[in-house]
Amino acid sequence: MKGYWIARVNVDDLDSYKEYAKRAGLAIEKFGGKFLVRAGKFKIIEGKHKYARNVIVEFPSTKIANDCYNSKEYQEARSFRDGKADFNAIIIEGY
């Protein structure tokens, strides 16, 4: 089964977030991840959704998705986002 990161984001500091996105993209690529959704227009069809950005990244497995998140490279990237964006994310198993 594949693993997916699903994240919802509100960015407070765009310059820092751009640096995070660049570095996170390199970490994701290193672990075989592939962006399926990276921001983009969306329509709320039910419920409440307080986030401006949505991101979905596909990995070969949930183990690799976890390994990427916990990697030195991603954690370094994350330091550029901490305190500069409201970030809500999960890792989920899928097809």
PDB file of N, CA and C in Angstrom:
ATOM      1  N   MET A   1       0.841  -1.187   0.000  1.00  0.00           N
ATOM      2  CA  MET A   1       0.000   0.000   0.000  1.00  0.00           C
ATOM      3  C   MET A   1       0.882   1.245   0.000  1.00  0.00           C
ATOM      4  N   LYS A   2       0.458   2.228  -0.743  1.00  0.00           N
ATOM      5  CA  LYS A   2       1.179   3.499  -0.785  1.00  0.00           C
ATOM      6  C   LYS A   2       0.877   4.306   0.470  1.00  0.00           C
ATOM      7  N   GLY A   3       1.719   5.301   0.707  1.00  0.00           N
ATOM      8  CA  GLY A   3       1.509   6.228   1.810  1.00  0.00           C
ATOM      9  C   GLY A   3       1.357   7.632   1.259  1.00  0.00           C
ATOM     10  N   TYR A   4       0.525   8.421   1.894  1.00  0.00           N
ATOM     11  CA  TYR A   4       0.262   9.781   1.438  1.00  0.00           C
ATOM     12  C   TYR A   4       0.402  10.765   2.591  1.00  0.00           C
ATOM     13  N   TRP A   5       0.999  11.889   2.296  1.00  0.00           N
ATOM     14  CA  TRP A   5       0.916  13.046   3.188  1.00  0.00           C
ATOM     15  C   TRP A   5      -0.258  13.863   2.697  1.00  0.00           C
ATOM     16  N   ILE A   6      -1.149  14.229   3.584  1.00  0.00           N
ATOM     17  CA  ILE A   6      -2.223  15.156   3.253  1.00  0.00           C
ATOM     18  C   ILE A   6      -2.079  16.320   4.222  1.00  0.00           C
ATOM     19  N   ALA A   7      -1.854  17.501   3.675  1.00  0.00           N
ATOM     20  CA  ALA A   7      -1.621  18.686   4.504  1.00  0.00           C
ATOM     21  C   ALA A   7      -2.543  19.814   4.090  1.00  0.00           C
ATOM     22  N   ARG A   8      -2.944  20.596   5.079  1.00  0.00           N
ATOM     23  CA  ARG A   8      -3.718  21.816   4.858  1.00  0.00           C
ATOM     24  C   ARG A   8      -2.936  22.941   5.522  1.00  0.00           C
ATOM     25  N   VAL A   9      -2.844  24.063   4.836  1.00  0.00           N
ATOM     26  CA  VAL A   9      -1.901  25.097   5.263  1.00  0.00           C
ATOM     27  C   VAL A   9      -2.473  26.498   5.094  1.00  0.00           C
ATOM     28  N   ASN A  10      -2.193  27.339   6.074  1.00  0.00           N
ATOM     29  CA  ASN A  10      -2.342  28.788   5.959  1.00  0.00           C
ATOM     30  C   ASN A  10      -0.964  29.377   6.179  1.00  0.00           C
ATOM     31  N   VAL A  11      -0.499  30.154   5.230  1.00  0.00           N
ATOM     32  CA  VAL A  11       0.849  30.721   5.276  1.00  0.00           C
ATOM     33  C   VAL A  11       0.792  32.131   5.846  1.00  0.00           C
ATOM     34  N   ASP A  12       1.628  32.384   6.861  1.00  0.00           N
ATOM     35  CA  ASP A  12       1.735  33.716   7.452  1.00  0.00           C
ATOM     36  C   ASP A  12       2.939  34.490   6.917  1.00  0.00           C
ATOM     37  N   ASP A  13       4.028  33.786   6.595  1.00  0.00           N
ATOM     38  CA  ASP A  13       5.266  34.414   6.114  1.00  0.00           C
ATOM     39  C   ASP A  13       5.649  33.740   4.802  1.00  0.00           C
ATOM     40  N   LEU A  14       5.283  34.360   3.686  1.00  0.00           N
ATOM     41  CA  LEU A  14       5.453  33.752   2.372  1.00  0.00           C
ATOM     42  C   LEU A  14       6.918  33.493   2.025  1.00  0.00           C
ATOM     43  N   ASP A  15       7.817  34.409   2.370  1.00  0.00           N
ATOM     44  CA  ASP A  15       9.233  34.210   2.042  1.00  0.00           C
ATOM     45  C   ASP A  15       9.795  32.975   2.748  1.00  0.00           C
ATOM     46  N   SER A  16       9.506  32.828   4.030  1.00  0.00           N
ATOM     47  CA  SER A  16       9.970  31.649   4.764  1.00  0.00           C
ATOM     48  C   SER A  16       9.326  30.382   4.226  1.00  0.00           C
ATOM     49  N   TYR A  17       8.042  30.475   3.871  1.00  0.00           N
ATOM     50  CA  TYR A  17       7.352  29.293   3.361  1.00  0.00           C
ATOM     51  C   TYR A  17       7.933  28.852   2.016  1.00  0.00           C
ATOM     52  N   LYS A  18       8.328  29.802   1.191  1.00  0.00           N
ATOM     53  CA  LYS A  18       8.954  29.445  -0.087  1.00  0.00           C
ATOM     54  C   LYS A  18      10.247  28.674   0.145  1.00  0.00           C
ATOM     55  N   GLU A  19      11.029  29.077   1.127  1.00  0.00           N
ATOM     56  CA  GLU A  19      12.262  28.358   1.452  1.00  0.00           C
ATOM     57  C   GLU A  19      11.938  26.960   1.989  1.00  0.00           C
ATOM     58  N   TYR A  20      10.923  26.886   2.843  1.00  0.00           N
ATOM     59  CA  TYR A  20      10.467  25.579   3.330  1.00  0.00           C
ATOM     60  C   TYR A  20      10.066  24.687   2.154  1.00  0.00           C
ATOM     61  N   ALA A  21       9.259  25.215   1.241  1.00  0.00           N
ATOM     62  CA  ALA A  21       8.753  24.421   0.117  1.00  0.00           C
ATOM     63  C   ALA A  21       9.894  23.918  -0.763  1.00  0.00           C
ATOM     64  N   LYS A  22      10.879  24.746  -0.992  1.00  0.00           N
ATOM     65  CA  LYS A  22      12.025  24.336  -1.804  1.00  0.00           C
ATOM     66  C   LYS A  22      12.768  23.188  -1.133  1.00  0.00           C
ATOM     67  N   ARG A  23      13.051  23.345   0.151  1.00  0.00           N
ATOM     68  CA  ARG A  23      13.805  22.318   0.877  1.00  0.00           C
ATOM     69  C   ARG A  23      12.978  21.053   1.100  1.00  0.00           C
ATOM     70  N   ALA A  24      11.707  21.221   1.399  1.00  0.00           N
ATOM     71  CA  ALA A  24      10.834  20.060   1.585  1.00  0.00           C
ATOM     72  C   ALA A  24      10.718  19.270   0.292  1.00  0.00           C
ATOM     73  N   GLY A  25      10.635  19.978  -0.831  1.00  0.00           N
ATOM     74  CA  GLY A  25      10.552  19.308  -2.133  1.00  0.00           C
ATOM     75  C   GLY A  25      11.757  18.424  -2.393  1.00  0.00           C
ATOM     76  N   LEU A  26      12.937  18.887  -2.000  1.00  0.00           N
ATOM     77  CA  LEU A  26      14.152  18.078  -2.170  1.00  0.00           C
ATOM     78  C   LEU A  26      14.104  16.826  -1.294  1.00  0.00           C
ATOM     79  N   ALA A  27      13.640  16.975  -0.057  1.00  0.00           N
ATOM     80  CA  ALA A  27      13.525  15.818   0.838  1.00  0.00           C
ATOM     81  C   ALA A  27      12.499  14.821   0.302  1.00  0.00           C
ATOM     82  N   ILE A  28      11.374  15.331  -0.157  1.00  0.00           N
ATOM     83  CA  ILE A  28      10.315  14.474  -0.693  1.00  0.00           C
ATOM     84  C   ILE A  28      10.829  13.699  -1.903  1.00  0.00           C
ATOM     85  N   GLU A  29      11.527  14.380  -2.788  1.00  0.00           N
ATOM     86  CA  GLU A  29      12.099  13.727  -3.972  1.00  0.00           C
ATOM     87  C   GLU A  29      13.093  12.635  -3.571  1.00  0.00           C
ATOM     88  N   LYS A  30      13.923  12.910  -2.581  1.00  0.00           N
ATOM     89  CA  LYS A  30      14.922  11.936  -2.119  1.00  0.00           C
ATOM     90  C   LYS A  30      14.258  10.636  -1.656  1.00  0.00           C
ATOM     91  N   PHE A  31      13.068  10.746  -1.073  1.00  0.00           N
ATOM     92  CA  PHE A  31      12.370   9.565  -0.558  1.00  0.00           C
ATOM     93  C   PHE A  31      11.346   9.000  -1.543  1.00  0.00           C
ATOM     94  N   GLY A  32      11.436   9.407  -2.793  1.00  0.00           N
ATOM     95  CA  GLY A  32      10.556   8.847  -3.823  1.00  0.00           C
ATOM     96  C   GLY A  32       9.150   9.390  -3.804  1.00  0.00           C
ATOM     97  N   GLY A  33       8.944  10.522  -3.128  1.00  0.00           N
ATOM     98  CA  GLY A  33       7.623  11.127  -3.073  1.00  0.00           C
ATOM     99  C   GLY A  33       7.299  11.894  -4.338  1.00  0.00           C
ATOM    100  N   LYS A  34       6.012  12.021  -4.589  1.00  0.00           N
ATOM    101  CA  LYS A  34       5.535  12.731  -5.779  1.00  0.00           C
ATOM    102  C   LYS A  34       4.337  13.592  -5.381  1.00  0.00           C
ATOM    103  N   PHE A  35       4.415  14.892  -5.709  1.00  0.00           N
ATOM    104  CA  PHE A  35       3.282  15.779  -5.434  1.00  0.00           C
ATOM    105  C   PHE A  35       2.129  15.430  -6.363  1.00  0.00           C
ATOM    106  N   LEU A  36       0.962  15.200  -5.776  1.00  0.00           N
ATOM    107  CA  LEU A  36      -0.260  15.005  -6.553  1.00  0.00           C
ATOM    108  C   LEU A  36      -1.084  16.278  -6.558  1.00  0.00           C
ATOM    109  N   VAL A  37      -1.051  16.996  -5.442  1.00  0.00           N
ATOM    110  CA  VAL A  37      -1.747  18.281  -5.310  1.00  0.00           C
ATOM    111  C   VAL A  37      -0.809  19.206  -4.562  1.00  0.00           C
ATOM    112  N   ARG A  38      -0.644  20.410  -5.089  1.00  0.00           N
ATOM    113  CA  ARG A  38       0.197  21.406  -4.430  1.00  0.00           C
ATOM    114  C   ARG A  38      -0.489  22.755  -4.596  1.00  0.00           C
ATOM    115  N   ALA A  39      -1.305  23.098  -3.599  1.00  0.00           N
ATOM    116  CA  ALA A  39      -2.159  24.291  -3.629  1.00  0.00           C
ATOM    117  C   ALA A  39      -3.262  24.057  -4.645  1.00  0.00           C
ATOM    118  N   GLY A  40      -3.456  24.927  -5.593  1.00  0.00           N
ATOM    119  CA  GLY A  40      -4.511  24.738  -6.582  1.00  0.00           C
ATOM    120  C   GLY A  40      -5.860  25.237  -6.093  1.00  0.00           C
ATOM    121  N   LYS A  41      -6.723  25.491  -7.035  1.00  0.00           N
ATOM    122  CA  LYS A  41      -8.070  25.945  -6.718  1.00  0.00           C
ATOM    123  C   LYS A  41      -8.873  24.782  -6.152  1.00  0.00           C
ATOM    124  N   PHE A  42      -9.748  25.100  -5.213  1.00  0.00           N
ATOM    125  CA  PHE A  42     -10.624  24.063  -4.669  1.00  0.00           C
ATOM    126  C   PHE A  42     -11.961  24.674  -4.301  1.00  0.00           C
ATOM    127  N   LYS A  43     -12.946  23.801  -4.141  1.00  0.00           N
ATOM    128  CA  LYS A  43     -14.296  24.218  -3.773  1.00  0.00           C
ATOM    129  C   LYS A  43     -14.732  23.386  -2.576  1.00  0.00           C
ATOM    130  N   ILE A  44     -15.195  24.043  -1.547  1.00  0.00           N
ATOM    131  CA  ILE A  44     -15.717  23.344  -0.371  1.00  0.00           C
ATOM    132  C   ILE A  44     -17.120  22.858  -0.717  1.00  0.00           C
ATOM    133  N   ILE A  45     -17.336  21.557  -0.603  1.00  0.00           N
ATOM    134  CA  ILE A  45     -18.663  21.024  -0.934  1.00  0.00           C
ATOM    135  C   ILE A  45     -19.458  20.625   0.306  1.00  0.00           C
ATOM    136  N   GLU A  46     -18.760  20.449   1.449  1.00  0.00           N
ATOM    137  CA  GLU A  46     -19.443  20.185   2.719  1.00  0.00           C
ATOM    138  C   GLU A  46     -18.536  20.590   3.863  1.00  0.00           C
ATOM    139  N   GLY A  47     -19.135  20.997   4.948  1.00  0.00           N
ATOM    140  CA  GLY A  47     -18.387  21.282   6.156  1.00  0.00           C
ATOM    141  C   GLY A  47     -17.589  22.569   6.101  1.00  0.00           C
ATOM    142  N   LYS A  48     -16.671  22.685   7.066  1.00  0.00           N
ATOM    143  CA  LYS A  48     -15.842  23.873   7.189  1.00  0.00           C
ATOM    144  C   LYS A  48     -14.413  23.534   6.813  1.00  0.00           C
ATOM    145  N   HIS A  49     -13.760  24.466   6.199  1.00  0.00           N
ATOM    146  CA  HIS A  49     -12.372  24.279   5.778  1.00  0.00           C
ATOM    147  C   HIS A  49     -11.683  25.628   5.910  1.00  0.00           C
ATOM    148  N   LYS A  50     -10.852  25.764   6.937  1.00  0.00           N
ATOM    149  CA  LYS A  50     -10.269  27.071   7.226  1.00  0.00           C
ATOM    150  C   LYS A  50      -8.889  27.278   6.600  1.00  0.00           C
ATOM    151  N   TYR A  51      -8.488  26.391   5.706  1.00  0.00           N
ATOM    152  CA  TYR A  51      -7.145  26.474   5.129  1.00  0.00           C
ATOM    153  C   TYR A  51      -7.175  26.962   3.687  1.00  0.00           C
ATOM    154  N   ALA A  52      -6.151  27.720   3.313  1.00  0.00           N
ATOM    155  CA  ALA A  52      -6.069  28.277   1.968  1.00  0.00           C
ATOM    156  C   ALA A  52      -5.349  27.348   0.992  1.00  0.00           C
ATOM    157  N   ARG A  53      -4.474  26.480   1.509  1.00  0.00           N
ATOM    158  CA  ARG A  53      -3.688  25.583   0.645  1.00  0.00           C
ATOM    159  C   ARG A  53      -3.910  24.134   1.068  1.00  0.00           C
ATOM    160  N   ASN A  54      -3.897  23.252   0.081  1.00  0.00           N
ATOM    161  CA  ASN A  54      -3.990  21.813   0.305  1.00  0.00           C
ATOM    162  C   ASN A  54      -2.852  21.153  -0.460  1.00  0.00           C
ATOM    163  N   VAL A  55      -2.244  20.138   0.162  1.00  0.00           N
ATOM    164  CA  VAL A  55      -1.119  19.443  -0.462  1.00  0.00           C
ATOM    165  C   VAL A  55      -1.309  17.941  -0.264  1.00  0.00           C
ATOM    166  N   ILE A  56      -1.099  17.180  -1.325  1.00  0.00           N
ATOM    167  CA  ILE A  56      -1.103  15.714  -1.236  1.00  0.00           C
ATOM    168  C   ILE A  56       0.176  15.221  -1.897  1.00  0.00           C
ATOM    169  N   VAL A  57       0.925  14.408  -1.145  1.00  0.00           N
ATOM    170  CA  VAL A  57       2.163  13.823  -1.654  1.00  0.00           C
ATOM    171  C   VAL A  57       2.043  12.310  -1.557  1.00  0.00           C
ATOM    172  N   GLU A  58       2.368  11.622  -2.643  1.00  0.00           N
ATOM    173  CA  GLU A  58       2.310  10.161  -2.691  1.00  0.00           C
ATOM    174  C   GLU A  58       3.712   9.595  -2.488  1.00  0.00           C
ATOM    175  N   PHE A  59       3.829   8.576  -1.633  1.00  0.00           N
ATOM    176  CA  PHE A  59       5.069   7.844  -1.394  1.00  0.00           C
ATOM    177  C   PHE A  59       4.847   6.363  -1.687  1.00  0.00           C
ATOM    178  N   PRO A  60       5.919   5.631  -1.924  1.00  0.00           N
ATOM    179  CA  PRO A  60       5.775   4.199  -2.199  1.00  0.00           C
ATOM    180  C   PRO A  60       5.124   3.413  -1.052  1.00  0.00           C
ATOM    181  N   SER A  61       5.252   3.894   0.196  1.00  0.00           N
ATOM    182  CA  SER A  61       4.656   3.201   1.345  1.00  0.00           C
ATOM    183  C   SER A  61       4.500   4.185   2.497  1.00  0.00           C
ATOM    184  N   THR A  62       3.710   3.802   3.519  1.00  0.00           N
ATOM    185  CA  THR A  62       3.588   4.652   4.698  1.00  0.00           C
ATOM    186  C   THR A  62       4.906   4.694   5.462  1.00  0.00           C
ATOM    187  N   LYS A  63       5.674   3.612   5.429  1.00  0.00           N
ATOM    188  CA  LYS A  63       6.977   3.613   6.095  1.00  0.00           C
ATOM    189  C   LYS A  63       7.874   4.672   5.483  1.00  0.00           C
ATOM    190  N   ILE A  64       7.915   4.742   4.169  1.00  0.00           N
ATOM    191  CA  ILE A  64       8.753   5.743   3.501  1.00  0.00           C
ATOM    192  C   ILE A  64       8.208   7.146   3.756  1.00  0.00           C
ATOM    193  N   ALA A  65       6.888   7.309   3.794  1.00  0.00           N
ATOM    194  CA  ALA A  65       6.301   8.614   4.110  1.00  0.00           C
ATOM    195  C   ALA A  65       6.737   9.064   5.505  1.00  0.00           C
ATOM    196  N   ASN A  66       6.719   8.141   6.463  1.00  0.00           N
ATOM    197  CA  ASN A  66       7.188   8.439   7.821  1.00  0.00           C
ATOM    198  C   ASN A  66       8.682   8.722   7.849  1.00  0.00           C
ATOM    199  N   ASP A  67       9.451   7.902   7.126  1.00  0.00           N
ATOM    200  CA  ASP A  67      10.903   8.101   7.081  1.00  0.00           C
ATOM    201  C   ASP A  67      11.245   9.484   6.527  1.00  0.00           C
ATOM    202  N   CYS A  68      10.532   9.907   5.505  1.00  0.00           N
ATOM    203  CA  CYS A  68      10.770  11.228   4.927  1.00  0.00           C
ATOM    204  C   CYS A  68      10.454  12.312   5.958  1.00  0.00           C
ATOM    205  N   TYR A  69       9.299  12.208   6.605  1.00  0.00           N
ATOM    206  CA  TYR A  69       8.910  13.217   7.591  1.00  0.00           C
ATOM    207  C   TYR A  69       9.947  13.328   8.700  1.00  0.00           C
ATOM    208  N   ASN A  70      10.459  12.202   9.145  1.00  0.00           N
ATOM    209  CA  ASN A  70      11.412  12.178  10.251  1.00  0.00           C
ATOM    210  C   ASN A  70      12.859  12.396   9.826  1.00  0.00           C
ATOM    211  N   SER A  71      13.098  12.536   8.544  1.00  0.00           N
ATOM    212  CA  SER A  71      14.464  12.671   8.045  1.00  0.00           C
ATOM    213  C   SER A  71      15.085  14.007   8.452  1.00  0.00           C
ATOM    214  N   LYS A  72      16.395  14.008   8.498  1.00  0.00           N
ATOM    215  CA  LYS A  72      17.152  15.230   8.788  1.00  0.00           C
ATOM    216  C   LYS A  72      16.799  16.321   7.770  1.00  0.00           C
ATOM    217  N   GLU A  73      16.695  15.935   6.505  1.00  0.00           N
ATOM    218  CA  GLU A  73      16.419  16.902   5.438  1.00  0.00           C
ATOM    219  C   GLU A  73      15.056  17.571   5.615  1.00  0.00           C
ATOM    220  N   TYR A  74      14.029  16.754   5.908  1.00  0.00           N
ATOM    221  CA  TYR A  74      12.701  17.347   6.047  1.00  0.00           C
ATOM    222  C   TYR A  74      12.596  18.174   7.325  1.00  0.00           C
ATOM    223  N   GLN A  75      13.175  17.690   8.403  1.00  0.00           N
ATOM    224  CA  GLN A  75      13.112  18.441   9.653  1.00  0.00           C
ATOM    225  C   GLN A  75      13.832  19.781   9.531  1.00  0.00           C
ATOM    226  N   GLU A  76      14.909  19.813   8.759  1.00  0.00           N
ATOM    227  CA  GLU A  76      15.577  21.087   8.499  1.00  0.00           C
ATOM    228  C   GLU A  76      14.658  22.005   7.702  1.00  0.00           C
ATOM    229  N   ALA A  77      14.001  21.466   6.682  1.00  0.00           N
ATOM    230  CA  ALA A  77      13.049  22.256   5.898  1.00  0.00           C
ATOM    231  C   ALA A  77      11.933  22.779   6.799  1.00  0.00           C
ATOM    232  N   ARG A  78      11.449  21.924   7.665  1.00  0.00           N
ATOM    233  CA  ARG A  78      10.343  22.269   8.566  1.00  0.00           C
ATOM    234  C   ARG A  78      10.685  23.471   9.451  1.00  0.00           C
ATOM    235  N   SER A  79      11.953  23.619   9.790  1.00  0.00           N
ATOM    236  CA  SER A  79      12.365  24.737  10.641  1.00  0.00           C
ATOM    237  C   SER A  79      12.061  26.084   9.984  1.00  0.00           C
ATOM    238  N   PHE A  80      11.976  26.127   8.655  1.00  0.00           N
ATOM    239  CA  PHE A  80      11.641  27.362   7.946  1.00  0.00           C
ATOM    240  C   PHE A  80      10.143  27.648   7.980  1.00  0.00           C
ATOM    241  N   ARG A  81       9.351  26.631   8.279  1.00  0.00           N
ATOM    242  CA  ARG A  81       7.894  26.763   8.321  1.00  0.00           C
ATOM    243  C   ARG A  81       7.374  26.998   9.731  1.00  0.00           C
ATOM    244  N   ASP A  82       8.045  26.446  10.737  1.00  0.00           N
ATOM    245  CA  ASP A  82       7.565  26.534  12.116  1.00  0.00           C
ATOM    246  C   ASP A  82       7.358  27.982  12.545  1.00  0.00           C
ATOM    247  N   GLY A  83       6.158  28.263  13.041  1.00  0.00           N
ATOM    248  CA  GLY A  83       5.822  29.598  13.490  1.00  0.00           C
ATOM    249  C   GLY A  83       5.482  30.567  12.372  1.00  0.00           C
ATOM    250  N   LYS A  84       5.539  30.091  11.136  1.00  0.00           N
ATOM    251  CA  LYS A  84       5.290  30.964   9.991  1.00  0.00           C
ATOM    252  C   LYS A  84       4.125  30.488   9.128  1.00  0.00           C
ATOM    253  N   ALA A  85       3.543  29.352   9.529  1.00  0.00           N
ATOM    254  CA  ALA A  85       2.384  28.810   8.815  1.00  0.00           C
ATOM    255  C   ALA A  85       1.597  27.918   9.775  1.00  0.00           C
ATOM    256  N   ASP A  86       0.295  27.930   9.619  1.00  0.00           N
ATOM    257  CA  ASP A  86      -0.579  27.007  10.334  1.00  0.00           C
ATOM    258  C   ASP A  86      -0.650  25.759   9.465  1.00  0.00           C
ATOM    259  N   PHE A  87      -0.067  24.668   9.947  1.00  0.00           N
ATOM    260  CA  PHE A  87       0.138  23.462   9.136  1.00  0.00           C
ATOM    261  C   PHE A  87      -0.539  22.292   9.821  1.00  0.00           C
ATOM    262  N   ASN A  88      -1.464  21.650   9.137  1.00  0.00           N
ATOM    263  CA  ASN A  88      -2.183  20.501   9.652  1.00  0.00           C
ATOM    264  C   ASN A  88      -1.947  19.349   8.690  1.00  0.00           C
ATOM    265  N   ALA A  89      -1.375  18.230   9.169  1.00  0.00           N
ATOM    266  CA  ALA A  89      -1.017  17.154   8.243  1.00  0.00           C
ATOM    267  C   ALA A  89      -1.229  15.774   8.849  1.00  0.00           C
ATOM    268  N   ILE A  90      -1.472  14.812   7.975  1.00  0.00           N
ATOM    269  CA  ILE A  90      -1.568  13.409   8.362  1.00  0.00           C
ATOM    270  C   ILE A  90      -0.785  12.570   7.351  1.00  0.00           C
ATOM    271  N   ILE A  91      -0.430  11.370   7.779  1.00  0.00           N
ATOM    272  CA  ILE A  91       0.065  10.340   6.859  1.00  0.00           C
ATOM    273  C   ILE A  91      -1.019   9.280   6.832  1.00  0.00           C
ATOM    274  N   ILE A  92      -1.407   8.880   5.622  1.00  0.00           N
ATOM    275  CA  ILE A  92      -2.508   7.920   5.480  1.00  0.00           C
ATOM    276  C   ILE A  92      -2.129   6.849   4.464  1.00  0.00           C
ATOM    277  N   GLU A  93      -2.591   5.657   4.714  1.00  0.00           N
ATOM    278  CA  GLU A  93      -2.351   4.542   3.808  1.00  0.00           C
ATOM    279  C   GLU A  93      -3.396   4.572   2.693  1.00  0.00           C
ATOM    280  N   GLY A  94      -2.978   4.249   1.479  1.00  0.00           N
ATOM    281  CA  GLY A  94      -3.924   4.252   0.360  1.00  0.00           C
ATOM    282  C   GLY A  94      -3.431   3.391  -0.785  1.00  0.00           C
ATOM    283  N   TYR A  95      -4.068   3.521  -1.930  1.00  0.00           N
ATOM    284  CA  TYR A  95      -3.786   2.698  -3.096  1.00  0.00           C
ATOM    285  C   TYR A  95      -2.785   3.350  -4.010  1.00  0.00           C
TER     286      TYR A  95
END
